[in-house]
Protein backbone atom coordinates (compact mmCIF):
# COMPACT_ATOMS: atom_id res chain seq x y z
CA MET A 1 -17.61 55.43 6.22
CA ARG A 2 -14.31 56.93 5.68
CA LEU A 3 -11.76 56.27 3.37
CA PRO A 4 -9.52 55.62 6.36
CA ALA A 5 -11.88 53.81 8.77
CA LEU A 6 -12.33 51.22 4.98
CA PHE A 7 -8.67 51.19 3.97
CA PHE A 8 -8.35 49.65 7.72
CA LEU A 9 -11.58 47.19 7.56
CA LEU A 10 -9.76 45.95 4.35
CA VAL A 11 -5.91 45.44 5.29
CA VAL A 12 -7.15 43.31 9.14
CA PHE A 13 -9.73 41.51 7.30
CA LEU A 14 -7.06 40.96 3.89
CA MET A 15 -4.35 40.54 5.75
CA PRO A 16 -4.50 36.92 7.47
CA ALA A 17 -5.35 35.64 3.57
CA ALA A 18 -2.55 38.13 2.50
CA GLN A 19 0.06 36.40 5.09
CA ALA A 20 -1.40 32.82 3.90
CA GLY A 21 1.66 30.43 3.52
CA PRO A 22 1.04 27.31 1.11
CA ILE A 23 0.33 24.89 3.72
CA GLU A 24 -2.33 26.77 4.21
CA GLU A 25 -4.09 27.05 0.98
CA ARG A 26 -2.73 23.89 0.09
CA GLN A 27 -4.89 22.67 3.38
CA ALA A 28 -7.55 24.91 2.81
CA ASN A 29 -7.79 24.12 -1.01
CA PHE A 30 -7.96 19.92 -0.55
CA LYS A 31 -10.82 20.39 2.48
CA ALA A 32 -12.50 22.17 -0.60
CA ASN A 33 -11.46 19.11 -2.86
CA ASN A 34 -12.95 17.27 0.02
CA GLN A 35 -16.51 19.46 -0.14
CA ALA A 36 -17.03 18.89 -4.01
CA MET A 37 -16.23 14.62 -4.05
CA ARG A 38 -19.18 14.89 -1.46
CA ALA A 39 -20.77 17.88 -3.21
CA ILE A 40 -21.15 15.92 -6.86
CA ALA A 41 -21.59 12.04 -4.18
CA SER A 42 -25.21 13.89 -3.89
CA LEU A 43 -25.80 15.31 -6.55
CA ILE A 44 -26.41 12.08 -8.52
CA GLY A 45 -29.14 11.78 -7.07
CA ALA A 46 -30.81 14.94 -7.23
CA GLY A 47 -29.88 14.60 -10.62
CA ASP A 48 -27.92 18.04 -11.46
CA MET A 49 -25.60 17.99 -13.73
CA ALA A 50 -25.04 20.85 -13.34
CA GLY A 51 -23.34 21.18 -10.32
CA ILE A 52 -21.52 18.27 -10.94
CA ALA A 53 -20.66 19.64 -13.63
CA GLN A 54 -19.04 22.46 -11.93
CA ASN A 55 -18.13 20.50 -9.12
CA ALA A 56 -15.32 18.49 -11.15
CA ARG A 57 -14.11 21.43 -12.80
CA GLN A 58 -13.67 22.64 -9.40
CA ILE A 59 -11.42 19.62 -7.89
CA ALA A 60 -9.86 19.56 -12.04
CA SER A 61 -8.76 23.24 -11.58
CA TRP A 62 -7.10 23.00 -7.67
CA ALA A 63 -5.75 19.26 -9.47
CA ASP A 64 -3.31 21.67 -11.82
CA GLU A 65 -2.14 24.41 -9.88
CA MET A 66 -1.74 21.82 -6.89
CA ALA A 67 2.03 21.59 -7.66
CA ALA A 68 2.48 25.06 -7.22
CA TYR A 69 0.97 24.97 -3.59
CA PHE A 70 4.32 22.37 -2.68
CA PRO A 71 7.23 24.50 -2.63
CA ALA A 72 10.27 23.24 -1.64
CA GLY A 73 11.25 23.87 2.78
CA SER A 74 6.67 23.65 2.40
CA ASP A 75 6.55 20.45 4.58
CA SER A 76 4.17 20.08 7.19
CA ARG A 77 2.52 17.14 9.03
CA GLY A 78 0.61 15.76 6.13
CA ALA A 79 2.77 16.11 3.15
CA SER A 80 5.29 13.33 3.38
CA PRO A 81 9.12 14.41 2.08
CA ALA A 82 8.23 12.08 -0.68
CA ILE A 83 5.90 14.87 -2.17
CA TRP A 84 9.36 16.50 -3.16
CA GLN A 85 11.58 13.13 -3.16
CA ASN A 86 9.48 12.27 -6.53
CA PHE A 87 7.67 15.46 -7.50
CA ASP A 88 7.77 14.44 -11.19
CA ASP A 89 4.68 11.41 -10.27
CA PHE A 90 3.64 12.91 -8.19
CA LYS A 91 2.97 16.31 -10.63
CA ASP A 92 1.08 13.03 -13.22
CA LYS A 93 -0.97 12.34 -9.89
CA ALA A 94 -2.75 15.64 -9.65
CA ALA A 95 -2.05 15.23 -13.99
CA ALA A 96 -4.35 12.07 -13.93
CA ASN A 97 -6.54 13.69 -10.99
CA LYS A 98 -7.36 16.61 -13.24
CA ALA A 99 -8.03 13.82 -16.20
CA ALA A 100 -10.38 11.60 -14.10
CA ALA A 101 -12.27 15.05 -12.56
CA LEU A 102 -12.40 16.17 -16.23
CA ARG A 103 -14.45 13.36 -16.97
CA ILE A 104 -17.25 13.80 -14.49
CA ALA A 105 -17.81 17.22 -15.63
CA GLU A 106 -18.08 15.28 -19.73
CA LEU A 107 -20.58 13.28 -18.49
CA ALA A 108 -22.72 15.74 -16.57
CA GLU A 109 -22.68 17.99 -19.73
CA ALA A 110 -23.38 15.16 -22.30
CA GLY A 111 -25.72 13.94 -19.23
CA GLN A 112 -24.70 10.49 -18.93
CA LYS A 113 -25.81 10.27 -15.44
CA ALA A 114 -25.60 6.02 -15.16
CA GLU A 115 -21.29 6.68 -15.71
CA ILE A 116 -21.11 9.15 -13.14
CA GLY A 117 -21.20 7.49 -10.50
CA GLY A 118 -18.16 5.03 -11.99
CA ALA A 119 -16.28 8.08 -12.70
CA LEU A 120 -16.33 8.80 -9.07
CA GLN A 121 -14.69 5.99 -8.44
CA ALA A 122 -12.15 6.20 -10.77
CA LEU A 123 -11.63 9.88 -9.17
CA GLY A 124 -11.36 8.88 -5.54
CA GLY A 125 -8.97 6.36 -6.73
CA SER A 126 -6.76 9.10 -8.12
CA CYS A 127 -6.92 10.40 -4.90
CA LYS A 128 -6.06 7.04 -3.17
CA SER A 129 -2.90 6.80 -5.37
CA CYS A 130 -1.85 10.34 -4.36
CA HIS A 131 -2.40 9.61 -1.18
CA PHE A 132 -1.53 6.21 -0.16
CA ALA A 133 2.29 7.85 -1.95
CA TYR A 134 3.16 11.26 -0.45
CA LYS A 135 0.66 11.97 1.89
CA ASN A 136 1.83 10.52 6.16
């Protein structure tokens, strides 16, 4: 394949990703977050501690970046205006979510399978806390 053709293909396939705004990106991240939580739940039974830790760290990473995906004016159907009215609280809830996810990773890395289920419930509680306050 010649260089101009390769360049054209790269532009065509990468352009939509480059044009995605914070709303589309955060929606994709929330979907990935949901999938990671489901994966953790299924991996508990399998005893896959490495998989649990990896998914939990993915959730923690998203929680750490989450506030950056909610710049002022990026309201959308699922995002309550209360996010921007109480942005410090929103960031605190994201930090609590990160801490809960990291707890799961720590438990998995320590091989404490019996405690992960309760930690997963706590993680879900941190999600629900934010959804209750800030999701339409």
